Amino acid sequence: MENGNLVKLLEQLREEIRETDAVDEKGAGLLRGLDEDIRELLMKTSTDTELIPKTDFQRVEDAFFHFEATHPKLTALLSRLLESLSNAGI
């Protein structure tokens, strides 16, 4: 995955996270953690070409399954990220 595409997708995810409301306590924790992970990735993306293999994406999967039925737009973005990572062999 090219860094430009990754950055765009991560920025879209952060925006959607900020706009997501009406979540339970577990969901709020997942969103906070996911937002922190994305912020860190965005800070590193421009300089670290080995960024993706060092990153644990378990929280992305957890958030995907937690919000699957209640937040379709967020889930769609998470799905795109997971699919892109899978296509990149990660």
N, C-alpha and C. Protein backbone atom coordinates (compact mmCIF):
# COMPACT_ATOMS: atom_id res chain seq x y z
N MET A 1 0.85 -1.17 0.00
CA MET A 1 0.00 0.00 0.00
C MET A 1 0.89 1.23 0.00
N GLU A 2 0.60 2.17 -0.86
CA GLU A 2 1.36 3.40 -0.90
C GLU A 2 1.03 4.26 0.31
N ASN A 3 2.05 4.97 0.80
CA ASN A 3 1.83 5.81 1.98
C ASN A 3 0.74 6.86 1.76
N GLY A 4 0.65 7.42 0.55
CA GLY A 4 -0.37 8.42 0.28
C GLY A 4 -1.77 7.88 0.45
N ASN A 5 -2.01 6.67 -0.05
CA ASN A 5 -3.32 6.04 0.10
C ASN A 5 -3.60 5.69 1.55
N LEU A 6 -2.58 5.22 2.25
CA LEU A 6 -2.73 4.89 3.66
C LEU A 6 -3.06 6.14 4.48
N VAL A 7 -2.35 7.21 4.21
CA VAL A 7 -2.59 8.46 4.94
C VAL A 7 -4.02 8.94 4.72
N LYS A 8 -4.47 8.91 3.48
CA LYS A 8 -5.84 9.35 3.17
C LYS A 8 -6.87 8.51 3.92
N LEU A 9 -6.69 7.19 3.91
CA LEU A 9 -7.61 6.30 4.59
C LEU A 9 -7.58 6.52 6.10
N LEU A 10 -6.39 6.67 6.66
CA LEU A 10 -6.27 6.91 8.11
C LEU A 10 -6.91 8.24 8.50
N GLU A 11 -6.74 9.25 7.67
CA GLU A 11 -7.37 10.55 7.97
C GLU A 11 -8.89 10.45 7.91
N GLN A 12 -9.41 9.69 6.95
CA GLN A 12 -10.86 9.47 6.87
C GLN A 12 -11.35 8.74 8.12
N LEU A 13 -10.60 7.76 8.56
CA LEU A 13 -10.98 7.03 9.78
C LEU A 13 -11.00 7.94 10.99
N ARG A 14 -9.98 8.77 11.13
CA ARG A 14 -9.96 9.68 12.28
C ARG A 14 -11.16 10.62 12.26
N GLU A 15 -11.51 11.12 11.10
CA GLU A 15 -12.67 12.01 10.99
C GLU A 15 -13.95 11.27 11.37
N GLU A 16 -14.10 10.06 10.90
CA GLU A 16 -15.29 9.28 11.23
C GLU A 16 -15.34 8.95 12.72
N ILE A 17 -14.21 8.67 13.31
CA ILE A 17 -14.16 8.41 14.75
C ILE A 17 -14.62 9.64 15.52
N ARG A 18 -14.17 10.81 15.11
CA ARG A 18 -14.58 12.04 15.79
C ARG A 18 -16.07 12.29 15.66
N GLU A 19 -16.67 11.84 14.57
CA GLU A 19 -18.10 12.07 14.33
C GLU A 19 -18.98 10.97 14.90
N THR A 20 -18.40 9.90 15.39
CA THR A 20 -19.17 8.78 15.91
C THR A 20 -19.64 9.08 17.33
N ASP A 21 -20.94 8.92 17.53
CA ASP A 21 -21.50 9.13 18.86
C ASP A 21 -22.40 7.95 19.22
N ALA A 22 -23.03 8.03 20.35
CA ALA A 22 -23.95 7.00 20.83
C ALA A 22 -23.28 5.63 20.89
N VAL A 23 -22.14 5.58 21.56
CA VAL A 23 -21.46 4.30 21.74
C VAL A 23 -21.44 3.93 23.21
N ASP A 24 -21.34 2.64 23.47
CA ASP A 24 -21.25 2.17 24.85
C ASP A 24 -19.83 2.39 25.38
N GLU A 25 -19.61 2.02 26.62
CA GLU A 25 -18.31 2.24 27.26
C GLU A 25 -17.19 1.49 26.53
N LYS A 26 -17.45 0.24 26.16
CA LYS A 26 -16.44 -0.52 25.44
C LYS A 26 -16.13 0.13 24.09
N GLY A 27 -17.17 0.55 23.39
CA GLY A 27 -16.98 1.21 22.10
C GLY A 27 -16.21 2.51 22.22
N ALA A 28 -16.51 3.28 23.26
CA ALA A 28 -15.78 4.53 23.47
C ALA A 28 -14.30 4.26 23.71
N GLY A 29 -13.99 3.22 24.47
CA GLY A 29 -12.60 2.85 24.70
C GLY A 29 -11.91 2.40 23.43
N LEU A 30 -12.60 1.62 22.62
CA LEU A 30 -12.04 1.18 21.35
C LEU A 30 -11.75 2.38 20.44
N LEU A 31 -12.68 3.32 20.40
CA LEU A 31 -12.49 4.50 19.54
C LEU A 31 -11.32 5.36 20.02
N ARG A 32 -11.21 5.53 21.33
CA ARG A 32 -10.08 6.31 21.85
C ARG A 32 -8.75 5.65 21.51
N GLY A 33 -8.68 4.35 21.72
CA GLY A 33 -7.45 3.62 21.40
C GLY A 33 -7.14 3.62 19.92
N LEU A 34 -8.16 3.43 19.11
CA LEU A 34 -7.98 3.43 17.66
C LEU A 34 -7.53 4.81 17.18
N ASP A 35 -8.12 5.85 17.72
CA ASP A 35 -7.72 7.21 17.35
C ASP A 35 -6.26 7.46 17.71
N GLU A 36 -5.84 6.99 18.86
CA GLU A 36 -4.43 7.14 19.28
C GLU A 36 -3.51 6.37 18.34
N ASP A 37 -3.89 5.14 18.00
CA ASP A 37 -3.08 4.35 17.08
C ASP A 37 -2.94 5.05 15.73
N ILE A 38 -4.05 5.57 15.23
CA ILE A 38 -4.04 6.24 13.92
C ILE A 38 -3.20 7.51 13.98
N ARG A 39 -3.33 8.26 15.06
CA ARG A 39 -2.53 9.49 15.21
C ARG A 39 -1.05 9.15 15.17
N GLU A 40 -0.65 8.11 15.87
CA GLU A 40 0.76 7.71 15.87
C GLU A 40 1.21 7.26 14.48
N LEU A 41 0.37 6.50 13.79
CA LEU A 41 0.71 6.07 12.44
C LEU A 41 0.89 7.26 11.50
N LEU A 42 -0.01 8.24 11.61
CA LEU A 42 0.09 9.41 10.75
C LEU A 42 1.36 10.20 11.03
N MET A 43 1.78 10.24 12.28
CA MET A 43 3.02 10.96 12.61
C MET A 43 4.23 10.27 12.00
N LYS A 44 4.19 8.95 11.89
CA LYS A 44 5.34 8.18 11.42
C LYS A 44 5.32 7.90 9.92
N THR A 45 4.18 7.94 9.30
CA THR A 45 4.03 7.47 7.93
C THR A 45 5.00 8.09 6.94
N SER A 46 5.27 9.36 7.07
CA SER A 46 6.10 10.03 6.07
C SER A 46 7.57 9.63 6.17
N THR A 47 8.02 9.09 7.29
CA THR A 47 9.44 8.80 7.46
C THR A 47 9.77 7.33 7.64
N ASP A 48 8.83 6.51 8.00
CA ASP A 48 9.11 5.11 8.34
C ASP A 48 8.52 4.18 7.29
N THR A 49 9.35 3.67 6.39
CA THR A 49 8.84 2.79 5.34
C THR A 49 8.48 1.41 5.87
N GLU A 50 8.95 1.04 7.04
CA GLU A 50 8.62 -0.24 7.65
C GLU A 50 7.51 -0.10 8.69
N LEU A 51 6.78 0.97 8.62
CA LEU A 51 5.75 1.29 9.61
C LEU A 51 4.69 0.20 9.74
N ILE A 52 4.13 -0.21 8.65
CA ILE A 52 3.00 -1.13 8.70
C ILE A 52 3.36 -2.47 9.33
N PRO A 53 4.45 -3.14 8.95
CA PRO A 53 4.73 -4.43 9.57
C PRO A 53 4.95 -4.36 11.08
N LYS A 54 5.32 -3.22 11.62
CA LYS A 54 5.56 -3.09 13.06
C LYS A 54 4.28 -2.82 13.84
N THR A 55 3.19 -2.61 13.15
CA THR A 55 1.96 -2.17 13.79
C THR A 55 1.04 -3.35 14.07
N ASP A 56 0.44 -3.36 15.26
CA ASP A 56 -0.53 -4.39 15.64
C ASP A 56 -1.93 -3.86 15.30
N PHE A 57 -2.62 -4.57 14.44
CA PHE A 57 -3.93 -4.11 14.00
C PHE A 57 -5.09 -4.84 14.68
N GLN A 58 -4.83 -5.45 15.83
CA GLN A 58 -5.88 -6.15 16.55
C GLN A 58 -7.01 -5.19 16.95
N ARG A 59 -6.66 -3.98 17.34
CA ARG A 59 -7.68 -3.02 17.76
C ARG A 59 -8.60 -2.66 16.58
N VAL A 60 -8.06 -2.63 15.37
CA VAL A 60 -8.87 -2.36 14.18
C VAL A 60 -9.91 -3.48 14.02
N GLU A 61 -9.46 -4.71 14.14
CA GLU A 61 -10.38 -5.84 14.03
C GLU A 61 -11.42 -5.82 15.14
N ASP A 62 -10.99 -5.54 16.35
CA ASP A 62 -11.93 -5.48 17.48
C ASP A 62 -12.99 -4.41 17.24
N ALA A 63 -12.57 -3.24 16.78
CA ALA A 63 -13.51 -2.16 16.51
C ALA A 63 -14.46 -2.54 15.38
N PHE A 64 -13.93 -3.19 14.35
CA PHE A 64 -14.77 -3.61 13.22
C PHE A 64 -15.92 -4.47 13.73
N PHE A 65 -15.62 -5.49 14.51
CA PHE A 65 -16.67 -6.39 14.99
C PHE A 65 -17.59 -5.72 16.00
N HIS A 66 -17.08 -4.81 16.80
CA HIS A 66 -17.91 -4.14 17.80
C HIS A 66 -18.93 -3.21 17.15
N PHE A 67 -18.53 -2.51 16.10
CA PHE A 67 -19.40 -1.50 15.48
C PHE A 67 -20.11 -1.98 14.22
N GLU A 68 -19.93 -3.24 13.87
CA GLU A 68 -20.44 -3.78 12.61
C GLU A 68 -21.93 -3.49 12.40
N ALA A 69 -22.74 -3.68 13.40
CA ALA A 69 -24.19 -3.53 13.23
C ALA A 69 -24.68 -2.11 13.48
N THR A 70 -23.92 -1.32 14.23
CA THR A 70 -24.44 -0.03 14.66
C THR A 70 -23.86 1.18 13.93
N HIS A 71 -22.70 1.05 13.35
CA HIS A 71 -22.04 2.19 12.71
C HIS A 71 -21.48 1.77 11.34
N PRO A 72 -22.35 1.70 10.34
CA PRO A 72 -21.94 1.15 9.04
C PRO A 72 -20.83 1.96 8.34
N LYS A 73 -20.84 3.26 8.45
CA LYS A 73 -19.81 4.05 7.77
C LYS A 73 -18.43 3.79 8.39
N LEU A 74 -18.38 3.78 9.71
CA LEU A 74 -17.13 3.48 10.41
C LEU A 74 -16.65 2.07 10.06
N THR A 75 -17.57 1.12 10.07
CA THR A 75 -17.23 -0.25 9.75
C THR A 75 -16.71 -0.38 8.32
N ALA A 76 -17.30 0.36 7.39
CA ALA A 76 -16.85 0.31 6.00
C ALA A 76 -15.41 0.80 5.88
N LEU A 77 -15.06 1.87 6.60
CA LEU A 77 -13.69 2.38 6.56
C LEU A 77 -12.72 1.40 7.21
N LEU A 78 -13.12 0.82 8.31
CA LEU A 78 -12.27 -0.18 8.97
C LEU A 78 -12.07 -1.38 8.06
N SER A 79 -13.12 -1.77 7.37
CA SER A 79 -13.03 -2.89 6.44
C SER A 79 -12.06 -2.57 5.30
N ARG A 80 -12.13 -1.35 4.77
CA ARG A 80 -11.20 -0.95 3.71
C ARG A 80 -9.76 -1.01 4.20
N LEU A 81 -9.54 -0.57 5.43
CA LEU A 81 -8.17 -0.60 5.98
C LEU A 81 -7.70 -2.05 6.12
N LEU A 82 -8.53 -2.90 6.69
CA LEU A 82 -8.16 -4.30 6.87
C LEU A 82 -7.93 -4.99 5.52
N GLU A 83 -8.78 -4.69 4.53
CA GLU A 83 -8.61 -5.27 3.20
C GLU A 83 -7.30 -4.81 2.55
N SER A 84 -7.00 -3.52 2.68
CA SER A 84 -5.76 -2.97 2.11
C SER A 84 -4.55 -3.63 2.74
N LEU A 85 -4.59 -3.82 4.04
CA LEU A 85 -3.48 -4.46 4.74
C LEU A 85 -3.34 -5.91 4.31
N SER A 86 -4.47 -6.59 4.16
CA SER A 86 -4.44 -7.97 3.73
C SER A 86 -3.86 -8.09 2.31
N ASN A 87 -4.26 -7.18 1.44
CA ASN A 87 -3.75 -7.19 0.06
C ASN A 87 -2.25 -6.90 0.01
N ALA A 88 -1.76 -6.16 1.02
CA ALA A 88 -0.34 -5.86 1.09
C ALA A 88 0.44 -6.99 1.76
N GLY A 89 -0.28 -8.05 2.16
CA GLY A 89 0.39 -9.19 2.78
C GLY A 89 0.69 -9.01 4.26
N ILE A 90 -0.06 -8.14 4.91
CA ILE A 90 0.18 -7.85 6.31
C ILE A 90 -0.90 -8.50 7.16
